């Protein structure tokens, strides 16, 4: 297997988060968004990165 440098393309992500009420969907979505754009979320100020 060969490794190669990743390329940014105009691909869109389709993802679903499922869990019962209080399962942390919003928190998980914010962490995923932070990981994708490398910027701290502005919605929840108590999150410290």
C-alpha atoms as a PDB file:
ATOM      1  CA  UNK A   1       0.000   0.000   0.000  1.00  0.00           C
ATOM      2  CA  UNK A   2       1.315   3.438  -0.921  1.00  0.00           C
ATOM      3  CA  UNK A   3       0.558   6.629   0.965  1.00  0.00           C
ATOM      4  CA  UNK A   4       0.031   9.879  -0.862  1.00  0.00           C
ATOM      5  CA  UNK A   5      -0.671  13.435   0.187  1.00  0.00           C
ATOM      6  CA  UNK A   6      -4.359  14.231   0.520  1.00  0.00           C
ATOM      7  CA  UNK A   7      -6.027  16.685  -1.841  1.00  0.00           C
ATOM      8  CA  UNK A   8      -8.813  19.078  -1.009  1.00  0.00           C
ATOM      9  CA  UNK A   9     -11.662  18.690  -3.447  1.00  0.00           C
ATOM     10  CA  UNK A  10     -15.191  20.030  -3.643  1.00  0.00           C
ATOM     11  CA  UNK A  11     -16.628  16.965  -1.958  1.00  0.00           C
ATOM     12  CA  UNK A  12     -19.601  17.326   0.355  1.00  0.00           C
ATOM     13  CA  UNK A  13     -20.025  15.260   3.479  1.00  0.00           C
ATOM     14  CA  UNK A  14     -23.316  13.584   4.280  1.00  0.00           C
ATOM     15  CA  UNK A  15     -23.423  12.366   7.825  1.00  0.00           C
ATOM     16  CA  UNK A  16     -26.102  11.450  10.348  1.00  0.00           C
ATOM     17  CA  UNK A  17     -25.768  11.436  14.116  1.00  0.00           C
ATOM     18  CA  UNK A  18     -28.264   9.253  15.933  1.00  0.00           C
ATOM     19  CA  UNK A  19     -28.773   8.812  19.646  1.00  0.00           C
ATOM     20  CA  UNK A  20     -31.541   9.202  22.217  1.00  0.00           C
ATOM     21  CA  UNK A  21     -32.330  12.549  23.814  1.00  0.00           C
ATOM     22  CA  UNK A  22     -29.406  13.793  25.853  1.00  0.00           C
ATOM     23  CA  UNK A  23     -26.980  11.554  23.990  1.00  0.00           C
ATOM     24  CA  UNK A  24     -24.650  14.375  22.944  1.00  0.00           C
ATOM     25  CA  UNK A  25     -25.579  14.825  19.267  1.00  0.00           C
ATOM     26  CA  UNK A  26     -25.123  18.594  19.304  1.00  0.00           C
ATOM     27  CA  UNK A  27     -21.846  18.394  21.191  1.00  0.00           C
ATOM     28  CA  UNK A  28     -20.575  15.694  18.822  1.00  0.00           C
ATOM     29  CA  UNK A  29     -21.631  17.741  15.788  1.00  0.00           C
ATOM     30  CA  UNK A  30     -19.714  20.754  17.123  1.00  0.00           C
ATOM     31  CA  UNK A  31     -16.610  18.652  17.676  1.00  0.00           C
ATOM     32  CA  UNK A  32     -16.876  17.210  14.160  1.00  0.00           C
ATOM     33  CA  UNK A  33     -17.280  20.680  12.671  1.00  0.00           C
ATOM     34  CA  UNK A  34     -14.282  21.903  14.657  1.00  0.00           C
ATOM     35  CA  UNK A  35     -12.228  19.016  13.314  1.00  0.00           C
ATOM     36  CA  UNK A  36     -13.226  19.803   9.740  1.00  0.00           C
ATOM     37  CA  UNK A  37     -12.560  23.544   9.765  1.00  0.00           C
ATOM     38  CA  UNK A  38      -9.900  23.750  12.525  1.00  0.00           C
ATOM     39  CA  UNK A  39     -11.691  26.626  14.230  1.00  0.00           C
ATOM     40  CA  UNK A  40     -13.219  26.559  17.717  1.00  0.00           C
ATOM     41  CA  UNK A  41     -17.025  26.580  17.768  1.00  0.00           C
ATOM     42  CA  UNK A  42     -18.565  29.951  18.575  1.00  0.00           C
ATOM     43  CA  UNK A  43     -21.961  28.594  19.609  1.00  0.00           C
ATOM     44  CA  UNK A  44     -20.939  26.982  22.904  1.00  0.00           C
ATOM     45  CA  UNK A  45     -18.498  29.290  24.700  1.00  0.00           C
ATOM     46  CA  UNK A  46     -17.833  26.875  27.590  1.00  0.00           C
ATOM     47  CA  UNK A  47     -16.016  24.452  25.261  1.00  0.00           C
ATOM     48  CA  UNK A  48     -12.282  24.957  25.701  1.00  0.00           C
ATOM     49  CA  UNK A  49      -9.870  23.682  23.036  1.00  0.00           C
END
